[in-house]
Amino acid sequence: MKIELKQYIPYLLSFIFIFVGLPLFMGDTGSAMIVVLMIMPACLLSTSIIFSYTYEKIDLIYLALLECFALISIFIFMNSSALIYAVVYLIVALIGNGIGYLLSKRKEK
């Protein structure tokens, strides 16, 4: 199985926006909670659905890249007590990959 790195470029750019751009809007605790608990997971869910629907697979490389960006963002913009969010983001992305994969299989029928 050959890995095409070009397919990941749009999703890497979306990860940069999600994990670097969105934390810049965290001014106070309330806005930080909205970004971390609602906006980031919603963005990750939608990009995961789009990725797995487009490529018709659940991709571990995609999930590993997402987790790397999440951990980097947590250590830059938050503190180690927010590490649980990396696990939450991984679960949300895995659910999105599953939904997109199921939708792509349904499309074929």
N, C-alpha and C. Protein backbone atom coordinates (compact mmCIF):
# COMPACT_ATOMS: atom_id res chain seq x y z
N MET A 1 0.84 -1.17 0.00
CA MET A 1 0.00 0.00 0.00
C MET A 1 0.89 1.24 0.00
N LYS A 2 0.71 2.07 -1.01
CA LYS A 2 1.51 3.27 -1.16
C LYS A 2 0.80 4.44 -0.47
N ILE A 3 1.56 5.22 0.28
CA ILE A 3 0.99 6.36 0.98
C ILE A 3 1.15 7.60 0.11
N GLU A 4 0.04 8.23 -0.21
CA GLU A 4 0.03 9.47 -0.97
C GLU A 4 -0.03 10.63 0.01
N LEU A 5 1.08 11.34 0.15
CA LEU A 5 1.12 12.44 1.11
C LEU A 5 0.32 13.64 0.64
N LYS A 6 0.10 13.76 -0.67
CA LYS A 6 -0.65 14.90 -1.20
C LYS A 6 -2.09 14.92 -0.69
N GLN A 7 -2.64 13.77 -0.41
CA GLN A 7 -4.03 13.73 0.04
C GLN A 7 -4.20 14.33 1.43
N TYR A 8 -3.12 14.42 2.20
CA TYR A 8 -3.20 14.93 3.56
C TYR A 8 -3.04 16.45 3.65
N ILE A 9 -2.56 17.09 2.59
CA ILE A 9 -2.24 18.52 2.66
C ILE A 9 -3.44 19.38 3.05
N PRO A 10 -4.62 19.22 2.42
CA PRO A 10 -5.75 20.06 2.85
C PRO A 10 -6.14 19.83 4.31
N TYR A 11 -5.99 18.61 4.77
CA TYR A 11 -6.36 18.30 6.15
C TYR A 11 -5.31 18.81 7.13
N LEU A 12 -4.05 18.82 6.72
CA LEU A 12 -3.02 19.42 7.56
C LEU A 12 -3.27 20.92 7.71
N LEU A 13 -3.68 21.56 6.62
CA LEU A 13 -4.00 22.99 6.69
C LEU A 13 -5.20 23.23 7.61
N SER A 14 -6.18 22.34 7.55
CA SER A 14 -7.33 22.49 8.45
C SER A 14 -6.91 22.25 9.91
N PHE A 15 -5.98 21.32 10.14
CA PHE A 15 -5.48 21.10 11.50
C PHE A 15 -4.75 22.34 12.01
N ILE A 16 -3.99 22.99 11.13
CA ILE A 16 -3.30 24.21 11.54
C ILE A 16 -4.32 25.27 11.94
N PHE A 17 -5.38 25.40 11.14
CA PHE A 17 -6.42 26.37 11.49
C PHE A 17 -7.10 25.98 12.81
N ILE A 18 -7.44 24.71 12.96
CA ILE A 18 -8.17 24.28 14.15
C ILE A 18 -7.31 24.39 15.40
N PHE A 19 -6.08 23.91 15.33
CA PHE A 19 -5.26 23.82 16.54
C PHE A 19 -4.35 25.02 16.79
N VAL A 20 -4.18 25.88 15.79
CA VAL A 20 -3.37 27.09 16.01
C VAL A 20 -4.23 28.34 15.88
N GLY A 21 -5.09 28.38 14.87
CA GLY A 21 -5.92 29.57 14.65
C GLY A 21 -7.00 29.76 15.70
N LEU A 22 -7.74 28.70 15.98
CA LEU A 22 -8.85 28.82 16.94
C LEU A 22 -8.40 29.18 18.35
N PRO A 23 -7.30 28.62 18.86
CA PRO A 23 -6.88 29.02 20.22
C PRO A 23 -6.51 30.50 20.35
N LEU A 24 -6.25 31.15 19.23
CA LEU A 24 -5.95 32.58 19.30
C LEU A 24 -7.18 33.40 19.70
N PHE A 25 -8.37 32.81 19.55
CA PHE A 25 -9.61 33.49 19.93
C PHE A 25 -9.99 33.25 21.38
N MET A 26 -9.18 32.51 22.11
CA MET A 26 -9.48 32.22 23.51
C MET A 26 -8.98 33.38 24.37
N GLY A 27 -9.87 34.33 24.62
CA GLY A 27 -9.49 35.48 25.42
C GLY A 27 -9.66 35.25 26.90
N ASP A 28 -10.82 34.78 27.28
CA ASP A 28 -11.10 34.52 28.68
C ASP A 28 -11.52 33.07 28.85
N THR A 29 -11.84 32.69 30.06
CA THR A 29 -12.18 31.29 30.34
C THR A 29 -13.43 30.84 29.61
N GLY A 30 -14.42 31.70 29.51
CA GLY A 30 -15.67 31.33 28.84
C GLY A 30 -15.46 31.05 27.36
N SER A 31 -14.75 31.95 26.70
CA SER A 31 -14.50 31.72 25.27
C SER A 31 -13.57 30.53 25.05
N ALA A 32 -12.66 30.30 25.98
CA ALA A 32 -11.77 29.14 25.86
C ALA A 32 -12.57 27.84 25.96
N MET A 33 -13.53 27.79 26.85
CA MET A 33 -14.34 26.58 26.99
C MET A 33 -15.20 26.35 25.75
N ILE A 34 -15.73 27.42 25.18
CA ILE A 34 -16.52 27.27 23.95
C ILE A 34 -15.66 26.75 22.82
N VAL A 35 -14.46 27.30 22.68
CA VAL A 35 -13.55 26.85 21.61
C VAL A 35 -13.13 25.41 21.82
N VAL A 36 -12.69 25.09 23.03
CA VAL A 36 -12.13 23.76 23.30
C VAL A 36 -13.21 22.67 23.34
N LEU A 37 -14.37 22.98 23.86
CA LEU A 37 -15.39 21.95 24.05
C LEU A 37 -16.43 21.86 22.94
N MET A 38 -16.57 22.93 22.15
CA MET A 38 -17.62 22.91 21.12
C MET A 38 -17.08 23.11 19.71
N ILE A 39 -16.33 24.16 19.50
CA ILE A 39 -15.92 24.51 18.14
C ILE A 39 -14.87 23.54 17.60
N MET A 40 -13.83 23.26 18.38
CA MET A 40 -12.79 22.33 17.92
C MET A 40 -13.34 20.93 17.62
N PRO A 41 -14.12 20.33 18.52
CA PRO A 41 -14.67 19.00 18.19
C PRO A 41 -15.59 19.02 16.98
N ALA A 42 -16.37 20.09 16.81
CA ALA A 42 -17.25 20.17 15.64
C ALA A 42 -16.44 20.25 14.36
N CYS A 43 -15.38 21.04 14.37
CA CYS A 43 -14.50 21.13 13.19
C CYS A 43 -13.82 19.80 12.90
N LEU A 44 -13.35 19.13 13.94
CA LEU A 44 -12.69 17.84 13.76
C LEU A 44 -13.66 16.79 13.25
N LEU A 45 -14.87 16.79 13.77
CA LEU A 45 -15.87 15.83 13.31
C LEU A 45 -16.16 16.03 11.83
N SER A 46 -16.35 17.28 11.42
CA SER A 46 -16.67 17.54 10.02
C SER A 46 -15.50 17.21 9.10
N THR A 47 -14.28 17.57 9.47
CA THR A 47 -13.14 17.24 8.61
C THR A 47 -12.90 15.73 8.56
N SER A 48 -13.16 15.04 9.64
CA SER A 48 -12.99 13.58 9.65
C SER A 48 -14.02 12.89 8.77
N ILE A 49 -15.25 13.39 8.81
CA ILE A 49 -16.29 12.83 7.95
C ILE A 49 -15.93 13.06 6.48
N ILE A 50 -15.51 14.28 6.17
CA ILE A 50 -15.15 14.60 4.78
C ILE A 50 -13.98 13.75 4.31
N PHE A 51 -12.96 13.59 5.17
CA PHE A 51 -11.78 12.80 4.78
C PHE A 51 -12.16 11.36 4.47
N SER A 52 -12.84 10.71 5.39
CA SER A 52 -13.13 9.29 5.18
C SER A 52 -14.19 9.07 4.12
N TYR A 53 -15.07 10.04 3.91
CA TYR A 53 -16.04 9.94 2.81
C TYR A 53 -15.32 10.08 1.47
N THR A 54 -14.36 10.98 1.41
CA THR A 54 -13.63 11.21 0.16
C THR A 54 -12.75 10.03 -0.20
N TYR A 55 -12.00 9.51 0.77
CA TYR A 55 -11.04 8.44 0.49
C TYR A 55 -11.56 7.05 0.83
N GLU A 56 -12.77 6.96 1.33
CA GLU A 56 -13.45 5.70 1.61
C GLU A 56 -12.63 4.76 2.49
N LYS A 57 -12.06 5.33 3.56
CA LYS A 57 -11.27 4.50 4.48
C LYS A 57 -11.17 5.20 5.83
N ILE A 58 -10.89 4.40 6.83
CA ILE A 58 -10.53 4.92 8.15
C ILE A 58 -9.02 4.88 8.20
N ASP A 59 -8.41 6.05 8.29
CA ASP A 59 -6.97 6.16 8.09
C ASP A 59 -6.26 6.45 9.42
N LEU A 60 -5.36 5.57 9.80
CA LEU A 60 -4.61 5.75 11.04
C LEU A 60 -3.58 6.87 10.93
N ILE A 61 -3.06 7.11 9.74
CA ILE A 61 -2.11 8.21 9.55
C ILE A 61 -2.81 9.54 9.80
N TYR A 62 -4.01 9.67 9.27
CA TYR A 62 -4.82 10.87 9.50
C TYR A 62 -5.01 11.10 11.01
N LEU A 63 -5.36 10.04 11.72
CA LEU A 63 -5.59 10.16 13.16
C LEU A 63 -4.30 10.49 13.91
N ALA A 64 -3.18 9.92 13.47
CA ALA A 64 -1.89 10.22 14.11
C ALA A 64 -1.49 11.67 13.89
N LEU A 65 -1.70 12.18 12.67
CA LEU A 65 -1.39 13.58 12.40
C LEU A 65 -2.27 14.50 13.24
N LEU A 66 -3.53 14.17 13.34
CA LEU A 66 -4.45 14.95 14.16
C LEU A 66 -3.98 14.98 15.61
N GLU A 67 -3.58 13.84 16.11
CA GLU A 67 -3.15 13.75 17.51
C GLU A 67 -1.86 14.54 17.74
N CYS A 68 -0.95 14.52 16.79
CA CYS A 68 0.28 15.31 16.91
C CYS A 68 -0.04 16.80 17.00
N PHE A 69 -0.91 17.27 16.12
CA PHE A 69 -1.30 18.68 16.16
C PHE A 69 -2.04 19.02 17.45
N ALA A 70 -2.88 18.12 17.92
CA ALA A 70 -3.61 18.37 19.16
C ALA A 70 -2.65 18.48 20.35
N LEU A 71 -1.70 17.58 20.43
CA LEU A 71 -0.74 17.62 21.55
C LEU A 71 0.13 18.87 21.51
N ILE A 72 0.57 19.23 20.32
CA ILE A 72 1.37 20.45 20.19
C ILE A 72 0.56 21.66 20.63
N SER A 73 -0.68 21.74 20.18
CA SER A 73 -1.54 22.86 20.54
C SER A 73 -1.81 22.91 22.04
N ILE A 74 -2.02 21.76 22.64
CA ILE A 74 -2.29 21.73 24.07
C ILE A 74 -1.09 22.24 24.86
N PHE A 75 0.10 21.84 24.47
CA PHE A 75 1.27 22.27 25.21
C PHE A 75 1.64 23.72 24.93
N ILE A 76 1.24 24.26 23.78
CA ILE A 76 1.54 25.66 23.48
C ILE A 76 0.51 26.60 24.11
N PHE A 77 -0.77 26.30 23.91
CA PHE A 77 -1.82 27.23 24.30
C PHE A 77 -2.49 26.91 25.63
N MET A 78 -2.34 25.69 26.11
CA MET A 78 -3.00 25.29 27.35
C MET A 78 -1.94 24.75 28.30
N ASN A 79 -2.33 23.88 29.20
CA ASN A 79 -1.35 23.24 30.07
C ASN A 79 -1.62 21.74 30.10
N SER A 80 -0.83 21.03 30.87
CA SER A 80 -0.92 19.56 30.86
C SER A 80 -2.24 19.04 31.41
N SER A 81 -2.97 19.85 32.13
CA SER A 81 -4.27 19.39 32.62
C SER A 81 -5.28 19.25 31.48
N ALA A 82 -4.98 19.79 30.33
CA ALA A 82 -5.88 19.70 29.17
C ALA A 82 -5.55 18.51 28.28
N LEU A 83 -4.68 17.62 28.72
CA LEU A 83 -4.31 16.45 27.90
C LEU A 83 -5.50 15.54 27.61
N ILE A 84 -6.49 15.54 28.47
CA ILE A 84 -7.67 14.70 28.24
C ILE A 84 -8.37 15.10 26.95
N TYR A 85 -8.25 16.38 26.56
CA TYR A 85 -8.88 16.83 25.33
C TYR A 85 -8.25 16.18 24.10
N ALA A 86 -6.99 15.83 24.17
CA ALA A 86 -6.35 15.12 23.05
C ALA A 86 -7.03 13.77 22.83
N VAL A 87 -7.38 13.11 23.91
CA VAL A 87 -8.09 11.83 23.81
C VAL A 87 -9.50 12.06 23.28
N VAL A 88 -10.16 13.09 23.77
CA VAL A 88 -11.51 13.42 23.30
C VAL A 88 -11.49 13.74 21.81
N TYR A 89 -10.51 14.52 21.37
CA TYR A 89 -10.41 14.87 19.95
C TYR A 89 -10.16 13.63 19.10
N LEU A 90 -9.36 12.71 19.60
CA LEU A 90 -9.10 11.46 18.88
C LEU A 90 -10.39 10.64 18.75
N ILE A 91 -11.15 10.55 19.81
CA ILE A 91 -12.41 9.81 19.77
C ILE A 91 -13.40 10.47 18.81
N VAL A 92 -13.49 11.80 18.85
CA VAL A 92 -14.38 12.52 17.94
C VAL A 92 -13.96 12.28 16.49
N ALA A 93 -12.66 12.33 16.22
CA ALA A 93 -12.18 12.10 14.85
C ALA A 93 -12.43 10.66 14.42
N LEU A 94 -12.28 9.72 15.32
CA LEU A 94 -12.54 8.32 14.99
C LEU A 94 -14.03 8.10 14.69
N ILE A 95 -14.89 8.74 15.45
CA ILE A 95 -16.33 8.67 15.17
C ILE A 95 -16.62 9.30 13.81
N GLY A 96 -16.00 10.44 13.52
CA GLY A 96 -16.18 11.08 12.21
C GLY A 96 -15.69 10.22 11.08
N ASN A 97 -14.55 9.56 11.28
CA ASN A 97 -14.04 8.64 10.26
C ASN A 97 -15.02 7.49 10.04
N GLY A 98 -15.57 6.97 11.10
CA GLY A 98 -16.54 5.89 10.97
C GLY A 98 -17.80 6.32 10.23
N ILE A 99 -18.30 7.50 10.56
CA ILE A 99 -19.50 8.02 9.88
C ILE A 99 -19.22 8.24 8.40
N GLY A 100 -18.08 8.86 8.09
CA GLY A 100 -17.73 9.10 6.69
C GLY A 100 -17.53 7.82 5.92
N TYR A 101 -16.92 6.84 6.56
CA TYR A 101 -16.72 5.54 5.90
C TYR A 101 -18.05 4.86 5.62
N LEU A 102 -18.95 4.88 6.59
CA LEU A 102 -20.27 4.28 6.38
C LEU A 102 -21.05 5.01 5.29
N LEU A 103 -20.95 6.33 5.26
CA LEU A 103 -21.62 7.10 4.21
C LEU A 103 -21.04 6.79 2.84
N SER A 104 -19.73 6.60 2.77
CA SER A 104 -19.11 6.29 1.47
C SER A 104 -19.52 4.90 0.99
N LYS A 105 -19.68 3.96 1.91
CA LYS A 105 -20.13 2.62 1.52
C LYS A 105 -21.60 2.65 1.10
N ARG A 106 -22.37 3.49 1.74
CA ARG A 106 -23.79 3.62 1.39
C ARG A 106 -23.93 4.27 0.01
N LYS A 107 -23.01 5.18 -0.32
CA LYS A 107 -23.02 5.85 -1.61
C LYS A 107 -22.81 4.86 -2.74
N GLU A 108 -22.01 3.83 -2.51
CA GLU A 108 -21.69 2.86 -3.54
C GLU A 108 -22.87 1.97 -3.90
N LYS A 109 -23.80 1.78 -2.97
CA LYS A 109 -24.94 0.88 -3.22
C LYS A 109 -25.95 1.46 -4.16
